[in-house]
Structures are given as C-alpha cells and as structure tokens.
Protein backbone atom coordinates (compact mmCIF):
# COMPACT_ATOMS: atom_id res chain seq x y z
CA MET A 1 -25.82 -19.51 15.36
CA THR A 2 -26.35 -18.76 11.72
CA SER A 3 -23.92 -20.01 9.26
CA ARG A 4 -23.66 -16.49 8.63
CA GLN A 5 -23.03 -15.67 12.68
CA ASN A 6 -20.49 -18.73 12.80
CA ARG A 7 -18.37 -17.47 10.11
CA ARG A 8 -18.20 -13.81 11.01
CA ALA A 9 -17.10 -15.44 14.57
CA ALA A 10 -14.57 -17.21 12.53
CA LEU A 11 -13.06 -14.34 11.42
CA GLN A 12 -13.23 -11.96 14.25
CA ALA A 13 -11.45 -15.24 16.04
CA ALA A 14 -8.80 -15.18 13.07
CA ILE A 15 -8.33 -11.21 12.97
CA LYS A 16 -7.12 -11.01 16.78
CA THR A 17 -4.94 -14.47 16.30
CA VAL A 18 -3.31 -13.06 13.14
CA SER A 19 -3.15 -9.31 14.01
CA GLN A 20 -0.91 -10.72 17.52
CA SER A 21 0.54 -13.77 15.49
CA GLY A 22 0.98 -12.99 12.03
CA LEU A 23 0.15 -15.84 9.74
CA ARG A 24 1.68 -19.19 8.92
CA PRO A 25 2.41 -21.13 5.82
CA GLY A 26 -0.39 -22.93 4.54
CA GLY A 27 -3.20 -21.80 7.18
CA HIS A 28 -6.38 -22.04 7.26
CA PRO A 29 -7.77 -19.91 4.49
CA VAL A 30 -9.72 -17.37 7.07
CA ALA A 31 -6.54 -16.57 8.37
CA LEU A 32 -5.87 -15.05 5.07
CA ALA A 33 -9.03 -13.20 5.03
CA ALA A 34 -8.21 -11.89 8.29
CA ALA A 35 -4.96 -10.65 7.42
CA THR A 36 -6.91 -9.31 4.32
CA ARG A 37 -9.25 -7.26 6.20
CA LEU A 38 -6.25 -6.15 8.73
CA ILE A 39 -5.23 -4.19 5.34
CA LEU A 40 -8.29 -3.61 3.69
CA ASP A 41 -9.97 -1.50 6.33
CA ILE A 42 -7.02 0.78 5.57
CA LEU A 43 -7.77 1.12 2.08
CA THR A 44 -11.29 1.76 2.93
CA GLY A 45 -10.47 4.47 5.66
CA LYS A 46 -10.70 8.09 4.70
CA ALA A 47 -6.84 8.81 5.05
CA ARG A 48 -5.70 10.88 2.56
CA ASP A 49 -1.96 8.37 2.82
CA ARG A 50 -4.47 4.92 3.07
CA ALA A 51 -2.74 3.07 0.59
CA SER A 52 0.76 3.67 1.84
CA ALA A 53 -0.83 3.13 5.23
CA ALA A 54 -2.39 -0.41 3.86
CA ALA A 55 1.04 -1.25 2.76
CA ARG A 56 3.14 -0.53 5.63
CA ARG A 57 0.47 -2.70 7.51
CA ALA A 58 0.89 -6.09 4.62
CA ALA A 59 4.84 -5.07 5.65
CA GLU A 60 4.41 -5.38 8.61
CA LEU A 61 2.19 -8.53 8.99
CA PHE A 62 4.89 -10.18 6.85
CA ASP A 63 7.69 -9.18 9.58
CA LEU A 64 5.11 -10.39 12.10
CA SER A 65 4.48 -13.93 10.41
CA LEU A 66 8.40 -14.14 9.63
CA GLU A 67 9.42 -13.33 12.82
CA ARG A 68 7.17 -16.52 15.10
CA GLN A 69 8.77 -19.34 12.30
CA PRO A 70 11.75 -20.86 13.13
CA ARG A 71 13.98 -20.14 10.41
CA GLU A 72 16.60 -23.23 9.99
CA PRO A 73 18.87 -22.92 8.70
CA ALA A 74 19.54 -19.48 8.95
CA PRO A 75 20.10 -16.58 5.90
CA ALA A 76 23.14 -16.10 5.33
CA CYS A 77 22.25 -12.44 4.35
CA ARG A 78 24.39 -9.84 6.59
CA LYS A 79 23.94 -5.89 6.56
CA GLY A 80 25.98 -4.19 3.96
CA CYS A 81 25.46 -7.58 1.55
CA HIS A 82 23.58 -6.19 -1.26
CA PHE A 83 23.90 -8.59 -4.68
CA CYS A 84 20.28 -9.08 -4.53
CA CYS A 85 19.87 -5.03 -4.88
CA HIS A 86 21.13 -5.51 -8.58
CA ALA A 87 17.83 -7.08 -9.77
CA TRP A 88 13.86 -5.98 -11.23
CA VAL A 89 11.92 -5.29 -8.22
CA SER A 90 8.42 -5.24 -8.46
CA ALA A 91 6.18 -3.58 -6.68
CA THR A 92 2.12 -2.73 -6.29
CA PRO A 93 1.07 0.95 -6.30
CA PRO A 94 0.05 1.15 -2.26
CA GLU A 95 4.13 -0.29 -2.27
CA ILE A 96 5.02 2.28 -4.36
CA PHE A 97 3.34 4.96 -2.65
CA LEU A 98 4.71 4.12 1.05
CA VAL A 99 8.08 3.90 -0.78
CA ALA A 100 7.77 7.41 -2.57
CA ASN A 101 5.87 9.22 0.40
CA THR A 102 9.27 7.76 2.82
CA LEU A 103 11.76 9.01 0.33
CA ARG A 104 9.44 12.65 0.10
CA ASP A 105 9.81 13.32 4.15
CA ARG A 106 13.87 12.17 3.93
CA HIS A 107 14.41 14.67 0.93
CA ARG A 108 12.63 17.50 1.82
CA THR A 109 15.50 19.54 1.41
CA ASP A 110 17.36 17.98 -1.88
CA LEU A 111 13.76 16.89 -3.48
CA ALA A 112 14.98 17.58 -6.97
CA THR A 113 18.00 16.60 -6.54
CA LEU A 114 16.35 12.92 -5.70
CA ILE A 115 14.20 13.30 -8.66
CA GLU A 116 16.99 13.61 -11.24
CA ARG A 117 19.17 10.92 -9.65
CA LEU A 118 16.28 8.57 -10.05
CA GLY A 119 15.42 9.69 -13.66
CA ALA A 120 19.01 8.86 -14.40
CA ALA A 121 18.51 5.69 -13.52
CA THR A 122 15.38 4.54 -14.58
CA ALA A 123 16.68 6.08 -17.98
CA ASP A 124 19.33 3.40 -18.22
CA THR A 125 16.93 0.59 -17.58
CA ARG A 126 13.23 1.57 -19.24
CA GLY A 127 11.91 -1.33 -21.80
CA LEU A 128 14.72 -3.81 -20.55
CA ASP A 129 13.33 -7.18 -19.30
CA GLN A 130 14.45 -8.95 -16.08
CA THR A 131 17.74 -10.67 -17.94
CA ALA A 132 18.77 -7.60 -19.90
CA ARG A 133 18.54 -5.79 -16.41
CA HIS A 134 19.99 -7.71 -14.88
CA ALA A 135 23.00 -8.14 -17.81
CA THR A 136 23.57 -4.83 -16.93
CA ARG A 137 24.56 -5.25 -12.81
CA GLN A 138 23.18 -2.08 -12.11
CA ALA A 139 22.10 -1.17 -8.49
CA CYS A 140 18.89 -0.20 -7.65
CA ALA A 141 18.73 3.84 -7.53
CA LEU A 142 17.79 3.53 -3.90
CA LEU A 143 20.72 1.62 -3.04
CA VAL A 144 22.92 4.27 -1.25
CA ASP A 145 26.47 3.98 0.39
CA GLY A 146 25.80 -0.32 -0.27
CA LEU A 147 22.52 0.46 1.93
CA CYS A 148 18.74 0.14 1.33
CA SER A 149 17.73 4.21 1.92
CA VAL A 150 14.40 2.53 2.37
CA TYR A 151 14.53 -0.57 4.46
CA GLN A 152 11.48 0.25 6.53
CA ALA A 153 10.21 0.53 3.71
CA ARG A 154 11.17 -1.78 1.35
CA PRO A 155 7.98 -3.97 -0.56
CA ILE A 156 7.39 -7.60 0.49
CA ASN A 157 9.06 -9.08 -2.74
CA CYS A 158 12.76 -7.16 -1.26
CA ARG A 159 11.65 -8.48 2.47
CA ALA A 160 10.92 -11.85 1.40
CA PHE A 161 14.34 -12.42 -0.46
CA ALA A 162 17.02 -13.98 1.29
CA SER A 163 20.05 -16.01 0.22
CA LEU A 164 20.75 -19.35 2.21
CA SER A 165 24.50 -18.70 0.40
CA LEU A 166 26.49 -15.87 0.10
CA GLU A 167 28.80 -18.04 -2.26
CA LYS A 168 25.75 -18.28 -4.17
CA CYS A 169 24.84 -14.83 -4.68
CA GLU A 170 27.96 -13.86 -5.42
CA GLU A 171 28.25 -16.28 -8.41
CA THR A 172 24.69 -15.25 -9.42
CA PHE A 173 26.13 -11.83 -9.61
CA ARG A 174 28.69 -11.95 -11.47
CA LEU A 175 28.07 -14.92 -13.90
CA GLY A 176 24.34 -14.78 -14.40
CA GLY A 177 21.60 -17.37 -13.46
CA GLU A 178 18.57 -17.82 -10.70
CA ASP A 179 20.30 -20.77 -8.76
CA ILE A 180 20.24 -19.13 -5.47
CA PRO A 181 18.93 -21.21 -2.13
CA VAL A 182 15.90 -19.08 -0.79
CA PRO A 183 14.15 -19.78 2.25
CA ALA A 184 11.21 -22.25 1.97
CA ILE A 185 9.28 -19.96 4.76
CA ASN A 186 9.90 -16.75 3.18
CA MET A 187 8.47 -17.04 -0.13
CA ALA A 188 5.07 -19.07 1.51
CA LEU A 189 4.87 -15.86 3.38
CA ARG A 190 5.60 -13.55 0.79
CA THR A 191 2.98 -15.32 -1.27
CA ALA A 192 0.67 -15.22 1.74
CA CYS A 193 0.97 -11.69 2.45
CA ASN A 194 1.10 -10.32 -1.30
CA GLN A 195 -2.36 -12.28 -1.71
CA ALA A 196 -4.12 -10.67 1.47
CA LEU A 197 -2.48 -7.00 -0.09
CA TRP A 198 -3.65 -7.83 -3.65
CA GLY A 199 -7.03 -9.00 -1.92
CA ALA A 200 -7.37 -5.55 -0.37
CA ILE A 201 -6.79 -4.01 -3.19
CA ALA A 202 -9.30 -5.84 -5.72
CA TYR A 203 -11.85 -5.77 -3.34
CA ALA A 204 -11.60 -1.93 -2.88
CA GLY A 205 -12.25 -1.69 -7.03
CA LEU A 206 -8.63 -0.64 -7.50
CA SER A 207 -5.82 -1.94 -9.30
CA PHE A 208 -3.56 -4.58 -8.28
CA ARG A 209 -1.26 -4.29 -11.22
CA THR A 210 2.42 -4.01 -10.62
CA TYR A 211 5.37 -1.99 -12.22
CA ASP A 212 9.02 -1.59 -11.26
CA LEU A 213 9.65 -0.21 -7.80
CA VAL A 214 11.93 2.46 -9.11
CA GLN A 215 10.33 3.70 -12.22
CA GLY A 216 6.93 3.58 -10.06
CA VAL A 217 8.55 5.52 -7.20
CA LEU A 218 9.64 8.49 -9.95
CA VAL A 219 6.45 8.54 -11.63
CA VAL A 220 5.23 9.35 -7.73
CA LEU A 221 7.19 12.10 -7.03
CA THR A 222 6.18 13.74 -10.68
CA THR A 223 3.16 13.66 -10.67
CA PRO A 224 0.93 15.73 -8.14
CA ASP A 225 -1.39 14.22 -5.54
CA ALA A 226 -0.74 10.75 -7.10
CA GLU A 227 -1.95 9.02 -4.30
CA PRO A 228 -5.35 10.52 -3.62
CA ARG A 229 -5.86 10.64 -7.44
CA TRP A 230 -4.61 6.62 -7.51
CA LEU A 231 -7.63 5.90 -4.78
CA ALA A 232 -9.91 8.10 -7.00
CA GLY A 233 -9.63 5.54 -9.32
CA GLU A 234 -7.43 7.68 -12.28
CA ASP A 235 -4.40 5.15 -13.38
CA VAL A 236 -1.25 7.64 -12.46
CA PHE A 237 0.99 4.64 -13.55
CA ALA A 238 -0.52 4.61 -17.73
CA SER A 239 2.84 5.49 -18.94
CA LEU A 240 4.90 2.46 -17.09
CA GLU A 241 4.86 -0.99 -18.54
CA ILE A 242 3.24 -3.71 -16.31
CA ASP A 243 5.35 -6.31 -14.74
CA GLU A 244 5.03 -8.92 -17.81
CA THR A 245 5.64 -11.81 -15.15
CA ILE A 246 2.29 -10.53 -12.63
CA ARG A 247 -0.11 -9.75 -15.42
CA MET A 248 -2.88 -10.90 -12.25
CA SER A 249 -5.04 -7.71 -12.96
CA ASP A 250 -5.83 -8.56 -16.68
CA SER A 251 -7.17 -11.63 -15.96
CA PRO A 252 -11.07 -12.12 -15.08
CA GLU A 253 -10.23 -15.22 -12.86
CA ALA A 254 -7.46 -13.77 -10.82
CA ARG A 255 -9.94 -10.47 -10.46
CA THR A 256 -12.64 -12.67 -9.31
CA ARG A 257 -10.87 -14.81 -6.84
CA PHE A 258 -9.14 -11.63 -5.03
CA GLU A 259 -12.04 -9.87 -4.70
CA SER A 260 -13.33 -13.40 -3.35
CA LEU A 261 -11.06 -13.32 -0.64
CA GLY A 262 -11.59 -9.40 -0.30
CA ALA A 263 -15.40 -10.75 0.33
CA MET A 264 -14.60 -13.43 2.26
CA ALA A 265 -12.44 -10.58 4.75
CA MET A 266 -15.48 -8.75 5.27
CA GLY A 267 -17.16 -11.95 6.82
CA ARG A 268 -19.42 -12.02 3.20
CA GLU A 269 -20.15 -14.33 0.52
CA PRO A 270 -18.09 -14.31 -2.58
CA GLY A 271 -20.53 -12.49 -5.21
CA ARG A 272 -22.47 -10.53 -2.05
C-alpha cells in the first residue's frame, strides 16, 4: 500500500478503537486524530443543531475515556457537593449551544423567567476576571438546589474537574487559593478531548474561542437562530469578552496546529 493508504488504514482502525474505548492519556497522535474525526463528521454535517451535537459527542468521548481508566484514589466528589460550582467556567460555542438547547427544551413554559435569572447573574459578574469572580463566591446560575441543572450537557471543563479532597475544596472556597488536588487522569483527558473538539472546529473554519459559559448561554437564548448563524460564520458572541486564559484563536500558530489535527483526522497531510 502507498503511504496515504497506510495512513488512512491506521486512521480507520483508530476511529473504531476510540469510538469503542475512548482515548488514553499520552496515546498515539492517530488516536487523537480519530477522536477529532468523530466530532468533525458531526460538525460538518447538515443538521441545524450540528454544533451542539458535536459538543455532545466530545462530552461522550470524555466520559467513555474516563470510564475506561483506573481511578486510584477515587475522587472525593459526591452528589450535592458544589464548592467548585462557584468558579468561572469557560466553554466553546458548541458546548454553549448544547447547554442552551438543553435549557430551552426544559423551560418551554418559563423560558422568560430563566432568561431573567441568567441576566441578573451575569450582570453581577460581567467584566470580572477569574480571581475577582471567585472572591464573590457567587454560585453558577445553572446550579439549582445544590445540583447542576444541565449535568448531562455540562462542558468538558466541568466534567473533568474533580477533587481528591473535600476538605481542600471547602478550604479553597472559604479562603481562596487554587491548591485543590485533581486527578491527573482527568486533566490529561480534558486536554485530549478539548484538543479534539478544537481541531474539529478549526478545520471546519469556525472560531474556537472560549467564553464565560453562563454569559454565552444567555446570548444564545436571546439571539434568534444563534447556532445556525454561528455555523454560517457570524460572530454571535461578539458582545462577550474572550476567556483571557485561552486566547488560542488569536494565535496563527495555534490555529495552524489545530487545522493540522483536523487534516490528519480527514486522512490528509497538513496544509492540503
């Protein structure tokens, strides 16, 4: 076989493996390309909600990958523990669309009330950096009765964050700081699945900037046809501040790197 045939055969085999078993930390680059392809096939489809569907696929890959890895020691997180739900959560547009669509379906009869509540919450935090946001101790507006109201649709950054010490979480919540022991496997898989999602977004020619989750959700819920307009290239999030910690799309080097990952996912050489 030619080198191209070998490359595509390896990719197809990796796609099958990743779809069944997820990703492994430090795995072969072809596996990351395979994960990117699984997301990219959805993102480049015809469905009106294909951005949110792509985010759901990325979240499923993260969950599957984490499920297949040993977790020793086990996280201390328990249902009803929500110290970490008082921080700034950044998310990509597809993840924001997924959360917004979930809320829209769930609040068909009281959507206006939900929008009003989210608007009040974002007004209190708009313009604050992560340190200032944490100092307010304000809970995520999507937290209801101590539980995440969009748990199944939550972004990868939320899925990945877990703690090995409940005491450290409470101490950090009350006193500040960032000294929370997080399982290394969670962070490694977060990086891999985020890269796969960013690679798909970049190769599709879309923006992979990240934004404050709740502010982004509010924009989507109050902007008609926000998802198809974003898919068509319109910057529906222009009014929001970009997450300063991840200004990747402003870097030509980063975009080239993720577009190259997308090219590999399609069985092509970068730049072709």
